[in-house]
C-alpha cells in the first residue's frame, strides 16, 4: 500500500485547519503531520517534519503566504506547495506562482475537487482552480509583452515539450512521457524559451494555451 502524502497546513484559521484534517482523514491518501498558525511557525515545522506537501494560506498576519513561501524555498524546502486562499485577485495569483507555488486553489472549492487538485499537484502538475487561468493570462498580458513570435522555428521535439508544459507537466514527467533524460528536457525548455522570447515556463504555458484557443 502506498504511503499517504504527508501534509503540513499553515493557516491562521483554526476551523479551516480542522476542516482539512477531517477531510483527509475521511478520504485517505493524505495525512496531516503538522499545523501552524503563522508563517514563522510553519517554516520551523517544515524544517523539522520535512512534509511532502504544504497547504499555505495567503492572507496571514505578521508574514503573509508569499513571504512564507519564499522563505520556505530559500531554506531548501522541496515540498509541493499549494496556496489555499479566498483571493482570486490576479496580482495575488501571479505573485504566488512567482514565489514558487505549485498550485493556487480557492477555499470555496468543493472538497472532492480540492482533493483531486491536490493529487494532481503531488503528481507534479501546476494546478489552478478552474477559471483562474483566464485571470493569469490577463495579468501576464498587462506586463511587458515578449517579442511576438510569428514563426518561432521550434523543432518538432520542442513543440512536443511546449505542449506538455502547457498541460502542466514538470520536466521529470515530460522526460518520462517522451522517454528522454531530464537533462535533455531542460535543454529543450531553455531553447524554446529563447526562441519564443519568453522568460519562464509559466509564460510558455500561457503562450501555448492562448495559441491553441485562437
N, C-alpha and C. Protein backbone atom coordinates (compact mmCIF):
# COMPACT_ATOMS: atom_id res chain seq x y z
N UNK A 1 0.84 -1.20 0.00
CA UNK A 1 0.00 0.00 0.00
C UNK A 1 0.88 1.25 0.00
N UNK A 2 0.54 2.23 -0.86
CA UNK A 2 1.33 3.45 -0.95
C UNK A 2 1.21 4.25 0.35
N UNK A 3 2.32 4.86 0.71
CA UNK A 3 2.32 5.70 1.91
C UNK A 3 1.51 6.96 1.64
N UNK A 4 0.77 7.46 2.64
CA UNK A 4 0.00 8.69 2.45
C UNK A 4 0.91 9.89 2.25
N UNK A 5 0.41 10.88 1.53
CA UNK A 5 1.14 12.13 1.33
C UNK A 5 1.11 12.91 2.64
N UNK A 6 2.27 13.30 3.13
CA UNK A 6 2.38 13.97 4.42
C UNK A 6 2.18 15.47 4.24
N UNK A 7 1.15 16.02 4.89
CA UNK A 7 0.76 17.41 4.72
C UNK A 7 1.13 18.25 5.94
N UNK A 8 1.60 19.47 5.65
CA UNK A 8 1.74 20.49 6.67
C UNK A 8 0.78 21.61 6.30
N UNK A 9 -0.10 21.99 7.22
CA UNK A 9 -1.09 23.03 6.97
C UNK A 9 -0.68 24.30 7.71
N UNK A 10 -0.48 25.38 6.94
CA UNK A 10 -0.12 26.68 7.54
C UNK A 10 -1.27 27.64 7.25
N UNK A 11 -2.05 27.94 8.27
CA UNK A 11 -3.25 28.77 8.11
C UNK A 11 -3.61 29.34 9.47
N UNK A 12 -3.98 30.61 9.50
CA UNK A 12 -4.27 31.23 10.80
C UNK A 12 -5.71 31.05 11.25
N UNK A 13 -6.48 30.23 10.55
CA UNK A 13 -7.85 29.96 10.95
C UNK A 13 -7.95 28.52 11.49
N UNK A 14 -8.14 28.35 12.79
CA UNK A 14 -8.20 27.01 13.37
C UNK A 14 -9.30 26.14 12.75
N UNK A 15 -10.44 26.74 12.43
CA UNK A 15 -11.54 25.95 11.86
C UNK A 15 -11.17 25.40 10.50
N UNK A 16 -10.43 26.18 9.71
CA UNK A 16 -10.02 25.68 8.40
C UNK A 16 -9.02 24.54 8.56
N UNK A 17 -8.07 24.68 9.46
CA UNK A 17 -7.10 23.60 9.68
C UNK A 17 -7.81 22.33 10.12
N UNK A 18 -8.80 22.48 11.01
CA UNK A 18 -9.56 21.32 11.47
C UNK A 18 -10.33 20.69 10.31
N UNK A 19 -10.90 21.53 9.45
CA UNK A 19 -11.64 21.01 8.31
C UNK A 19 -10.77 20.22 7.36
N UNK A 20 -9.54 20.71 7.11
CA UNK A 20 -8.62 19.98 6.25
C UNK A 20 -8.27 18.63 6.86
N UNK A 21 -8.01 18.62 8.15
CA UNK A 21 -7.67 17.37 8.82
C UNK A 21 -8.83 16.37 8.73
N UNK A 22 -10.05 16.83 8.96
CA UNK A 22 -11.20 15.94 8.89
C UNK A 22 -11.40 15.41 7.46
N UNK A 23 -11.19 16.28 6.47
CA UNK A 23 -11.36 15.87 5.08
C UNK A 23 -10.38 14.77 4.70
N UNK A 24 -9.11 14.96 5.01
CA UNK A 24 -8.13 13.95 4.60
C UNK A 24 -8.26 12.68 5.43
N UNK A 25 -8.70 12.81 6.68
CA UNK A 25 -8.92 11.60 7.50
C UNK A 25 -10.01 10.73 6.91
N UNK A 26 -11.04 11.37 6.36
CA UNK A 26 -12.16 10.62 5.78
C UNK A 26 -11.77 9.98 4.45
N UNK A 27 -11.07 10.75 3.60
CA UNK A 27 -10.80 10.30 2.24
C UNK A 27 -9.58 9.40 2.13
N UNK A 28 -8.59 9.59 2.98
CA UNK A 28 -7.38 8.80 2.88
C UNK A 28 -6.46 9.31 1.78
N UNK A 29 -5.24 8.76 1.75
CA UNK A 29 -4.25 9.16 0.76
C UNK A 29 -3.39 10.32 1.21
N UNK A 30 -3.86 11.07 2.21
CA UNK A 30 -3.12 12.19 2.78
C UNK A 30 -3.12 12.05 4.31
N UNK A 31 -2.11 12.62 4.92
CA UNK A 31 -2.02 12.62 6.38
C UNK A 31 -1.48 13.98 6.84
N UNK A 32 -2.24 14.67 7.69
CA UNK A 32 -1.78 15.93 8.25
C UNK A 32 -0.77 15.62 9.36
N UNK A 33 0.49 16.00 9.13
CA UNK A 33 1.54 15.71 10.11
C UNK A 33 1.88 16.91 10.96
N UNK A 34 1.34 18.09 10.58
CA UNK A 34 1.63 19.28 11.37
C UNK A 34 0.72 20.42 11.00
N UNK A 35 0.49 21.33 11.95
CA UNK A 35 -0.32 22.52 11.74
C UNK A 35 0.42 23.73 12.30
N UNK A 36 0.31 24.84 11.60
CA UNK A 36 0.91 26.08 12.07
C UNK A 36 -0.05 27.22 11.80
N UNK A 37 -0.06 28.21 12.70
CA UNK A 37 -0.98 29.35 12.55
C UNK A 37 -0.28 30.59 12.04
N UNK A 38 1.06 30.55 11.92
CA UNK A 38 1.82 31.69 11.41
C UNK A 38 2.89 31.20 10.46
N UNK A 39 3.38 32.14 9.64
CA UNK A 39 4.45 31.79 8.71
C UNK A 39 5.71 31.30 9.41
N UNK A 40 6.25 32.04 10.38
CA UNK A 40 7.47 31.59 11.05
C UNK A 40 7.32 30.21 11.69
N UNK A 41 6.16 29.96 12.31
CA UNK A 41 5.92 28.65 12.91
C UNK A 41 5.91 27.56 11.82
N UNK A 42 5.30 27.87 10.69
CA UNK A 42 5.24 26.91 9.60
C UNK A 42 6.61 26.61 9.03
N UNK A 43 7.45 27.63 8.90
CA UNK A 43 8.80 27.44 8.37
C UNK A 43 9.59 26.51 9.29
N UNK A 44 9.46 26.73 10.59
CA UNK A 44 10.17 25.88 11.55
C UNK A 44 9.67 24.44 11.49
N UNK A 45 8.35 24.26 11.38
CA UNK A 45 7.80 22.91 11.30
C UNK A 45 8.19 22.21 10.01
N UNK A 46 8.26 22.96 8.91
CA UNK A 46 8.65 22.36 7.64
C UNK A 46 10.07 21.81 7.72
N UNK A 47 10.96 22.55 8.37
CA UNK A 47 12.33 22.08 8.52
C UNK A 47 12.40 20.85 9.40
N UNK A 48 11.52 20.79 10.40
CA UNK A 48 11.52 19.66 11.33
C UNK A 48 10.84 18.42 10.75
N UNK A 49 9.70 18.61 10.10
CA UNK A 49 8.87 17.49 9.67
C UNK A 49 9.17 17.03 8.25
N UNK A 50 9.71 17.91 7.42
CA UNK A 50 10.01 17.60 6.02
C UNK A 50 8.80 16.97 5.32
N UNK A 51 7.69 17.71 5.23
CA UNK A 51 6.46 17.16 4.64
C UNK A 51 6.59 17.00 3.13
N UNK A 52 5.67 16.22 2.56
CA UNK A 52 5.62 16.07 1.11
C UNK A 52 4.91 17.25 0.46
N UNK A 53 3.98 17.84 1.18
CA UNK A 53 3.19 18.95 0.65
C UNK A 53 2.86 19.94 1.76
N UNK A 54 2.85 21.23 1.38
CA UNK A 54 2.45 22.29 2.31
C UNK A 54 1.20 22.95 1.77
N UNK A 55 0.17 23.04 2.59
CA UNK A 55 -1.03 23.81 2.26
C UNK A 55 -0.89 25.15 2.96
N UNK A 56 -0.85 26.22 2.17
CA UNK A 56 -0.44 27.52 2.71
C UNK A 56 -1.50 28.59 2.44
N UNK A 57 -1.93 29.26 3.50
CA UNK A 57 -2.87 30.37 3.37
C UNK A 57 -2.13 31.60 2.85
N UNK A 58 -2.80 32.41 2.07
CA UNK A 58 -2.17 33.61 1.52
C UNK A 58 -2.21 34.77 2.50
N UNK A 59 -3.38 35.04 3.07
CA UNK A 59 -3.56 36.23 3.92
C UNK A 59 -3.41 35.87 5.39
N UNK A 60 -2.20 36.08 5.90
CA UNK A 60 -1.93 35.84 7.31
C UNK A 60 -1.24 37.07 7.88
N UNK A 61 -1.42 37.30 9.17
CA UNK A 61 -0.77 38.42 9.83
C UNK A 61 0.71 38.11 10.04
N UNK A 62 1.49 39.18 10.27
CA UNK A 62 2.92 39.11 10.52
C UNK A 62 3.69 38.73 9.26
N UNK A 63 3.33 37.62 8.64
CA UNK A 63 4.07 37.12 7.48
C UNK A 63 3.07 36.47 6.55
N UNK A 64 2.83 37.06 5.38
CA UNK A 64 1.79 36.51 4.51
C UNK A 64 2.28 35.24 3.79
N UNK A 65 1.39 34.65 3.02
CA UNK A 65 1.71 33.38 2.39
C UNK A 65 2.87 33.47 1.42
N UNK A 66 2.94 34.53 0.62
CA UNK A 66 4.02 34.66 -0.34
C UNK A 66 5.37 34.83 0.35
N UNK A 67 5.41 35.62 1.41
CA UNK A 67 6.65 35.77 2.18
C UNK A 67 7.07 34.44 2.79
N UNK A 68 6.08 33.72 3.32
CA UNK A 68 6.35 32.41 3.90
C UNK A 68 6.88 31.44 2.85
N UNK A 69 6.27 31.46 1.67
CA UNK A 69 6.69 30.57 0.60
C UNK A 69 8.11 30.87 0.16
N UNK A 70 8.43 32.14 -0.02
CA UNK A 70 9.80 32.49 -0.41
C UNK A 70 10.81 32.04 0.64
N UNK A 71 10.43 32.17 1.91
CA UNK A 71 11.32 31.74 2.99
C UNK A 71 11.48 30.21 3.00
N UNK A 72 10.40 29.50 2.73
CA UNK A 72 10.47 28.04 2.66
C UNK A 72 11.42 27.61 1.56
N UNK A 73 11.28 28.20 0.38
CA UNK A 73 12.15 27.84 -0.74
C UNK A 73 13.59 28.22 -0.45
N UNK A 74 13.80 29.39 0.15
CA UNK A 74 15.16 29.82 0.47
C UNK A 74 15.81 28.88 1.48
N UNK A 75 14.99 28.27 2.34
CA UNK A 75 15.50 27.34 3.34
C UNK A 75 15.70 25.93 2.77
N UNK A 76 15.41 25.75 1.50
CA UNK A 76 15.63 24.45 0.87
C UNK A 76 14.45 23.52 0.91
N UNK A 77 13.26 24.02 1.24
CA UNK A 77 12.08 23.17 1.28
C UNK A 77 11.69 22.78 -0.15
N UNK A 78 11.64 21.46 -0.40
CA UNK A 78 11.31 20.96 -1.74
C UNK A 78 9.89 20.40 -1.80
N UNK A 79 9.13 20.56 -0.74
CA UNK A 79 7.76 20.05 -0.72
C UNK A 79 6.93 20.75 -1.79
N UNK A 80 5.93 20.05 -2.32
CA UNK A 80 4.96 20.70 -3.19
C UNK A 80 4.16 21.68 -2.33
N UNK A 81 3.90 22.87 -2.84
CA UNK A 81 3.21 23.90 -2.07
C UNK A 81 1.95 24.32 -2.81
N UNK A 82 0.81 24.16 -2.15
CA UNK A 82 -0.47 24.60 -2.70
C UNK A 82 -0.95 25.80 -1.90
N UNK A 83 -1.13 26.92 -2.59
CA UNK A 83 -1.68 28.10 -1.93
C UNK A 83 -3.19 27.93 -1.86
N UNK A 84 -3.74 27.98 -0.66
CA UNK A 84 -5.18 27.87 -0.44
C UNK A 84 -5.67 29.21 0.09
N UNK A 85 -6.57 29.85 -0.65
CA UNK A 85 -6.91 31.23 -0.32
C UNK A 85 -8.33 31.56 -0.76
N UNK A 86 -8.84 32.69 -0.26
CA UNK A 86 -10.13 33.20 -0.72
C UNK A 86 -9.94 34.23 -1.82
N UNK A 87 -8.69 34.61 -2.10
CA UNK A 87 -8.42 35.68 -3.06
C UNK A 87 -8.30 35.14 -4.48
N UNK A 88 -9.10 35.71 -5.39
CA UNK A 88 -8.95 35.39 -6.80
C UNK A 88 -8.39 36.59 -7.57
N UNK A 89 -7.68 37.47 -6.86
CA UNK A 89 -7.09 38.65 -7.49
C UNK A 89 -5.90 38.24 -8.36
N UNK A 90 -5.81 38.86 -9.53
CA UNK A 90 -4.77 38.49 -10.47
C UNK A 90 -3.37 38.68 -9.90
N UNK A 91 -3.14 39.79 -9.21
CA UNK A 91 -1.81 40.06 -8.66
C UNK A 91 -1.41 39.02 -7.62
N UNK A 92 -2.36 38.62 -6.77
CA UNK A 92 -2.06 37.60 -5.77
C UNK A 92 -1.68 36.28 -6.43
N UNK A 93 -2.40 35.94 -7.48
CA UNK A 93 -2.13 34.70 -8.20
C UNK A 93 -0.74 34.71 -8.81
N UNK A 94 -0.41 35.77 -9.55
CA UNK A 94 0.89 35.87 -10.20
C UNK A 94 2.02 35.86 -9.17
N UNK A 95 1.86 36.62 -8.10
CA UNK A 95 2.91 36.70 -7.08
C UNK A 95 3.14 35.35 -6.42
N UNK A 96 2.07 34.59 -6.18
CA UNK A 96 2.21 33.27 -5.56
C UNK A 96 2.98 32.32 -6.48
N UNK A 97 2.67 32.33 -7.76
CA UNK A 97 3.36 31.45 -8.69
C UNK A 97 4.82 31.85 -8.83
N UNK A 98 5.09 33.13 -8.84
CA UNK A 98 6.48 33.58 -8.92
C UNK A 98 7.27 33.23 -7.66
N UNK A 99 6.58 33.18 -6.53
CA UNK A 99 7.25 32.83 -5.27
C UNK A 99 7.57 31.34 -5.21
N UNK A 100 6.95 30.55 -6.10
CA UNK A 100 7.27 29.12 -6.13
C UNK A 100 6.12 28.20 -5.81
N UNK A 101 4.88 28.70 -5.85
CA UNK A 101 3.73 27.82 -5.57
C UNK A 101 3.53 26.83 -6.71
N UNK A 102 3.11 25.63 -6.36
CA UNK A 102 2.82 24.58 -7.34
C UNK A 102 1.33 24.53 -7.66
N UNK A 103 0.54 25.27 -6.92
CA UNK A 103 -0.90 25.32 -7.16
C UNK A 103 -1.49 26.53 -6.47
N UNK A 104 -2.59 27.03 -7.02
CA UNK A 104 -3.29 28.16 -6.43
C UNK A 104 -4.77 27.79 -6.42
N UNK A 105 -5.28 27.46 -5.25
CA UNK A 105 -6.61 26.89 -5.11
C UNK A 105 -7.46 27.77 -4.20
N UNK A 106 -8.72 27.93 -4.57
CA UNK A 106 -9.64 28.75 -3.77
C UNK A 106 -10.30 27.90 -2.69
N UNK A 107 -10.53 28.52 -1.55
CA UNK A 107 -11.06 27.79 -0.40
C UNK A 107 -12.52 27.38 -0.57
N UNK A 108 -13.23 27.99 -1.51
CA UNK A 108 -14.62 27.59 -1.70
C UNK A 108 -14.77 26.42 -2.68
N UNK A 109 -13.64 25.81 -3.05
CA UNK A 109 -13.68 24.63 -3.92
C UNK A 109 -14.36 23.47 -3.20
N UNK A 110 -15.15 22.71 -3.93
CA UNK A 110 -15.81 21.54 -3.34
C UNK A 110 -14.75 20.56 -2.82
N UNK A 111 -15.00 19.91 -1.67
CA UNK A 111 -14.00 19.02 -1.07
C UNK A 111 -13.46 17.96 -2.02
N UNK A 112 -14.32 17.31 -2.78
CA UNK A 112 -13.88 16.25 -3.68
C UNK A 112 -12.96 16.82 -4.76
N UNK A 113 -13.31 18.01 -5.27
CA UNK A 113 -12.48 18.65 -6.30
C UNK A 113 -11.16 19.10 -5.72
N UNK A 114 -11.17 19.59 -4.49
CA UNK A 114 -9.94 20.02 -3.84
C UNK A 114 -8.97 18.85 -3.70
N UNK A 115 -9.47 17.71 -3.27
CA UNK A 115 -8.61 16.53 -3.14
C UNK A 115 -8.05 16.11 -4.49
N UNK A 116 -8.88 16.18 -5.53
CA UNK A 116 -8.41 15.82 -6.87
C UNK A 116 -7.28 16.75 -7.30
N UNK A 117 -7.45 18.04 -7.03
CA UNK A 117 -6.43 19.00 -7.41
C UNK A 117 -5.13 18.78 -6.61
N UNK A 118 -5.26 18.47 -5.34
CA UNK A 118 -4.08 18.20 -4.53
C UNK A 118 -3.32 16.98 -5.05
N UNK A 119 -4.06 15.96 -5.47
CA UNK A 119 -3.40 14.78 -6.04
C UNK A 119 -2.64 15.14 -7.31
N UNK A 120 -3.22 16.02 -8.13
CA UNK A 120 -2.54 16.44 -9.35
C UNK A 120 -1.26 17.20 -9.03
N UNK A 121 -1.30 18.03 -7.99
CA UNK A 121 -0.11 18.76 -7.59
C UNK A 121 0.97 17.81 -7.11
N UNK A 122 0.59 16.80 -6.34
CA UNK A 122 1.54 15.78 -5.88
C UNK A 122 2.21 15.09 -7.06
N UNK A 123 1.45 14.88 -8.14
CA UNK A 123 1.97 14.20 -9.33
C UNK A 123 2.91 15.09 -10.14
N UNK A 124 3.04 16.35 -9.76
CA UNK A 124 3.98 17.23 -10.45
C UNK A 124 3.36 18.27 -11.35
N UNK A 125 2.04 18.39 -11.34
CA UNK A 125 1.37 19.37 -12.20
C UNK A 125 1.25 20.72 -11.50
N UNK A 126 1.18 21.75 -12.33
CA UNK A 126 0.84 23.08 -11.83
C UNK A 126 -0.67 23.22 -11.95
N UNK A 127 -1.35 23.44 -10.83
CA UNK A 127 -2.82 23.39 -10.82
C UNK A 127 -3.39 24.71 -10.31
N UNK A 128 -4.37 25.22 -11.07
CA UNK A 128 -5.11 26.41 -10.67
C UNK A 128 -6.59 26.05 -10.57
N UNK A 129 -7.29 26.66 -9.62
CA UNK A 129 -8.74 26.49 -9.57
C UNK A 129 -9.33 26.93 -10.91
N UNK A 130 -10.33 26.18 -11.35
CA UNK A 130 -10.96 26.46 -12.64
C UNK A 130 -11.40 27.93 -12.71
N UNK A 131 -11.08 28.57 -13.82
CA UNK A 131 -11.44 29.97 -14.02
C UNK A 131 -10.29 30.92 -13.77
N UNK A 132 -9.25 30.47 -13.05
CA UNK A 132 -8.14 31.36 -12.74
C UNK A 132 -7.13 31.47 -13.87
N UNK A 133 -7.14 30.52 -14.81
CA UNK A 133 -6.21 30.59 -15.93
C UNK A 133 -6.42 31.87 -16.73
N UNK A 134 -7.69 32.25 -16.92
CA UNK A 134 -8.00 33.49 -17.64
C UNK A 134 -7.50 34.69 -16.87
N UNK A 135 -7.64 34.67 -15.54
CA UNK A 135 -7.11 35.75 -14.70
C UNK A 135 -5.61 35.88 -14.91
N UNK A 136 -4.93 34.74 -14.91
CA UNK A 136 -3.49 34.74 -15.05
C UNK A 136 -3.07 35.28 -16.41
N UNK A 137 -3.78 34.87 -17.45
CA UNK A 137 -3.47 35.34 -18.80
C UNK A 137 -3.62 36.86 -18.89
N UNK A 138 -4.66 37.39 -18.29
CA UNK A 138 -4.87 38.84 -18.32
C UNK A 138 -3.75 39.57 -17.60
N UNK A 139 -3.34 39.02 -16.46
CA UNK A 139 -2.28 39.65 -15.69
C UNK A 139 -0.97 39.65 -16.46
N UNK A 140 -0.69 38.55 -17.14
CA UNK A 140 0.55 38.45 -17.90
C UNK A 140 0.54 39.41 -19.09
N UNK A 141 -0.62 39.58 -19.71
CA UNK A 141 -0.71 40.46 -20.88
C UNK A 141 -0.47 41.92 -20.48
N UNK A 142 -0.77 42.26 -19.25
CA UNK A 142 -0.58 43.64 -18.81
C UNK A 142 0.89 43.97 -18.60
N UNK A 143 1.71 42.95 -18.48
CA UNK A 143 3.13 43.17 -18.29
C UNK A 143 3.81 43.35 -19.65
N UNK A 144 5.08 43.60 -19.61
CA UNK A 144 5.80 43.78 -20.88
C UNK A 144 5.66 42.53 -21.72
N UNK A 145 5.12 42.69 -22.90
CA UNK A 145 4.91 41.56 -23.79
C UNK A 145 6.24 41.16 -24.41
N UNK A 146 6.50 39.85 -24.51
CA UNK A 146 7.69 39.42 -25.23
C UNK A 146 7.51 39.68 -26.72
N UNK A 147 8.60 39.68 -27.44
CA UNK A 147 8.50 39.88 -28.88
C UNK A 147 7.62 38.82 -29.49
N UNK A 148 6.58 39.22 -30.26
CA UNK A 148 5.64 38.24 -30.80
C UNK A 148 6.32 37.30 -31.78
N UNK A 149 6.30 36.01 -31.49
CA UNK A 149 6.98 35.06 -32.35
C UNK A 149 6.09 34.62 -33.51
N UNK A 150 6.26 35.23 -34.68
CA UNK A 150 5.44 34.83 -35.82
C UNK A 150 5.76 33.41 -36.24
N UNK A 151 7.03 33.16 -36.53
CA UNK A 151 7.49 31.82 -36.89
C UNK A 151 8.66 31.49 -35.98
N UNK A 152 8.40 31.00 -34.79
CA UNK A 152 9.48 30.81 -33.81
C UNK A 152 10.50 29.77 -34.23
N UNK A 153 10.17 28.91 -35.19
CA UNK A 153 11.14 27.93 -35.65
C UNK A 153 11.44 26.83 -34.65
N UNK A 154 10.43 26.43 -33.89
CA UNK A 154 10.63 25.33 -32.95
C UNK A 154 10.79 24.01 -33.69
N UNK A 155 11.64 23.16 -33.17
CA UNK A 155 11.76 21.82 -33.73
C UNK A 155 10.54 21.00 -33.31
N UNK A 156 10.25 19.90 -34.00
CA UNK A 156 9.12 19.04 -33.58
C UNK A 156 9.21 18.63 -32.12
N UNK A 157 10.43 18.30 -31.65
CA UNK A 157 10.58 17.90 -30.25
C UNK A 157 10.30 19.06 -29.32
N UNK A 158 10.74 20.26 -29.67
CA UNK A 158 10.48 21.43 -28.82
C UNK A 158 8.99 21.72 -28.76
N UNK A 159 8.28 21.51 -29.87
CA UNK A 159 6.83 21.71 -29.86
C UNK A 159 6.15 20.69 -28.95
N UNK A 160 6.65 19.45 -28.96
CA UNK A 160 6.11 18.43 -28.06
C UNK A 160 6.31 18.84 -26.61
N UNK A 161 7.51 19.30 -26.29
CA UNK A 161 7.81 19.72 -24.92
C UNK A 161 6.92 20.90 -24.52
N UNK A 162 6.75 21.85 -25.43
CA UNK A 162 5.91 23.01 -25.15
C UNK A 162 4.47 22.60 -24.87
N UNK A 163 3.94 21.66 -25.66
CA UNK A 163 2.56 21.20 -25.44
C UNK A 163 2.42 20.55 -24.07
N UNK A 164 3.45 19.81 -23.64
CA UNK A 164 3.38 19.13 -22.34
C UNK A 164 3.55 20.13 -21.20
N UNK A 165 4.34 21.17 -21.40
CA UNK A 165 4.42 22.25 -20.41
C UNK A 165 3.06 22.89 -20.23
N UNK A 166 2.37 23.13 -21.37
CA UNK A 166 1.04 23.73 -21.31
C UNK A 166 0.04 22.83 -20.61
N UNK A 167 0.29 21.52 -20.62
CA UNK A 167 -0.59 20.57 -19.93
C UNK A 167 -0.32 20.51 -18.44
N UNK A 168 0.72 21.22 -17.98
CA UNK A 168 1.02 21.28 -16.56
C UNK A 168 2.06 20.30 -16.07
N UNK A 169 2.75 19.60 -17.00
CA UNK A 169 3.74 18.62 -16.58
C UNK A 169 5.07 19.29 -16.26
N UNK A 170 5.77 18.75 -15.26
CA UNK A 170 7.10 19.25 -14.95
C UNK A 170 8.13 18.50 -15.78
N UNK A 171 9.40 18.88 -15.66
CA UNK A 171 10.45 18.29 -16.50
C UNK A 171 10.57 16.78 -16.32
N UNK A 172 10.45 16.33 -15.08
CA UNK A 172 10.58 14.89 -14.82
C UNK A 172 9.47 14.10 -15.51
N UNK A 173 8.25 14.62 -15.44
CA UNK A 173 7.12 13.93 -16.08
C UNK A 173 7.23 13.98 -17.60
N UNK A 174 7.71 15.12 -18.14
CA UNK A 174 7.91 15.23 -19.58
C UNK A 174 8.96 14.22 -20.04
N UNK A 175 10.05 14.13 -19.28
CA UNK A 175 11.11 13.18 -19.63
C UNK A 175 10.57 11.75 -19.67
N UNK A 176 9.76 11.41 -18.70
CA UNK A 176 9.21 10.05 -18.65
C UNK A 176 8.27 9.81 -19.84
N UNK A 177 7.46 10.80 -20.17
CA UNK A 177 6.49 10.63 -21.25
C UNK A 177 7.16 10.52 -22.61
N UNK A 178 8.22 11.32 -22.82
CA UNK A 178 8.89 11.33 -24.11
C UNK A 178 10.09 10.38 -24.16
N UNK A 179 10.33 9.70 -23.04
CA UNK A 179 11.45 8.75 -22.94
C UNK A 179 12.78 9.45 -23.20
N UNK A 180 12.95 10.58 -22.54
CA UNK A 180 14.18 11.36 -22.61
C UNK A 180 14.77 11.49 -21.21
N UNK A 181 16.01 11.94 -21.14
CA UNK A 181 16.57 12.26 -19.83
C UNK A 181 16.04 13.62 -19.38
N UNK A 182 16.01 13.83 -18.07
CA UNK A 182 15.53 15.10 -17.55
C UNK A 182 16.44 16.25 -18.01
N UNK A 183 17.74 15.96 -18.11
CA UNK A 183 18.68 16.97 -18.58
C UNK A 183 18.39 17.41 -20.01
N UNK A 184 18.01 16.44 -20.86
CA UNK A 184 17.68 16.77 -22.24
C UNK A 184 16.44 17.64 -22.30
N UNK A 185 15.45 17.33 -21.46
CA UNK A 185 14.24 18.14 -21.42
C UNK A 185 14.58 19.57 -21.02
N UNK A 186 15.45 19.73 -20.03
CA UNK A 186 15.84 21.07 -19.59
C UNK A 186 16.46 21.87 -20.73
N UNK A 187 17.26 21.19 -21.55
CA UNK A 187 17.88 21.86 -22.70
C UNK A 187 16.82 22.31 -23.69
N UNK A 188 15.83 21.41 -23.97
CA UNK A 188 14.75 21.77 -24.89
C UNK A 188 13.97 22.97 -24.36
N UNK A 189 13.69 22.98 -23.06
CA UNK A 189 12.95 24.09 -22.46
C UNK A 189 13.73 25.39 -22.61
N UNK A 190 15.02 25.34 -22.33
CA UNK A 190 15.87 26.53 -22.46
C UNK A 190 15.84 27.07 -23.88
N UNK A 191 15.95 26.17 -24.87
CA UNK A 191 15.98 26.60 -26.27
C UNK A 191 14.65 27.18 -26.72
N UNK A 192 13.53 26.53 -26.34
CA UNK A 192 12.24 27.02 -26.80
C UNK A 192 11.89 28.37 -26.16
N UNK A 193 12.29 28.56 -24.90
CA UNK A 193 12.06 29.85 -24.27
C UNK A 193 12.81 30.95 -25.00
N UNK A 194 14.05 30.65 -25.38
CA UNK A 194 14.86 31.63 -26.09
C UNK A 194 14.25 31.96 -27.45
N UNK A 195 13.79 30.93 -28.17
CA UNK A 195 13.22 31.14 -29.49
C UNK A 195 11.91 31.93 -29.41
N UNK A 196 11.13 31.70 -28.36
CA UNK A 196 9.84 32.38 -28.23
C UNK A 196 9.97 33.76 -27.60
N UNK A 197 11.16 34.08 -27.10
CA UNK A 197 11.33 35.37 -26.44
C UNK A 197 10.63 35.44 -25.11
N UNK A 198 10.51 34.30 -24.43
CA UNK A 198 9.81 34.23 -23.15
C UNK A 198 10.80 34.05 -22.02
N UNK A 199 10.32 34.34 -20.79
CA UNK A 199 11.23 34.34 -19.64
C UNK A 199 11.05 33.17 -18.69
N UNK A 200 9.96 32.44 -18.81
CA UNK A 200 9.71 31.35 -17.87
C UNK A 200 8.81 30.31 -18.50
N UNK A 201 8.78 29.11 -17.91
CA UNK A 201 7.92 28.05 -18.43
C UNK A 201 6.45 28.41 -18.21
N UNK A 202 6.17 29.24 -17.19
CA UNK A 202 4.80 29.68 -16.97
C UNK A 202 4.32 30.53 -18.15
N UNK A 203 5.17 31.46 -18.61
CA UNK A 203 4.81 32.27 -19.77
C UNK A 203 4.68 31.38 -21.01
N UNK A 204 5.53 30.36 -21.12
CA UNK A 204 5.45 29.45 -22.27
C UNK A 204 4.13 28.70 -22.27
N UNK A 205 3.70 28.25 -21.08
CA UNK A 205 2.43 27.53 -20.98
C UNK A 205 1.26 28.43 -21.39
N UNK A 206 1.27 29.65 -20.90
CA UNK A 206 0.20 30.58 -21.25
C UNK A 206 0.21 30.90 -22.74
N UNK A 207 1.41 31.09 -23.31
CA UNK A 207 1.51 31.38 -24.74
C UNK A 207 0.93 30.23 -25.55
N UNK A 208 1.27 28.99 -25.16
CA UNK A 208 0.78 27.82 -25.89
C UNK A 208 -0.73 27.69 -25.79
N UNK A 209 -1.27 27.91 -24.58
CA UNK A 209 -2.73 27.79 -24.39
C UNK A 209 -3.46 28.84 -25.22
N UNK A 210 -2.94 30.06 -25.22
CA UNK A 210 -3.58 31.12 -26.00
C UNK A 210 -3.55 30.82 -27.49
N UNK A 211 -2.44 30.27 -27.98
CA UNK A 211 -2.32 29.94 -29.40
C UNK A 211 -3.33 28.85 -29.78
N UNK A 212 -3.54 27.88 -28.85
CA UNK A 212 -4.48 26.79 -29.12
C UNK A 212 -5.91 27.30 -29.20
N UNK A 213 -6.21 28.40 -28.46
CA UNK A 213 -7.58 28.90 -28.39
C UNK A 213 -7.92 29.84 -29.56
N UNK A 214 -6.91 30.23 -30.35
CA UNK A 214 -7.16 31.15 -31.45
C UNK A 214 -7.74 30.41 -32.66
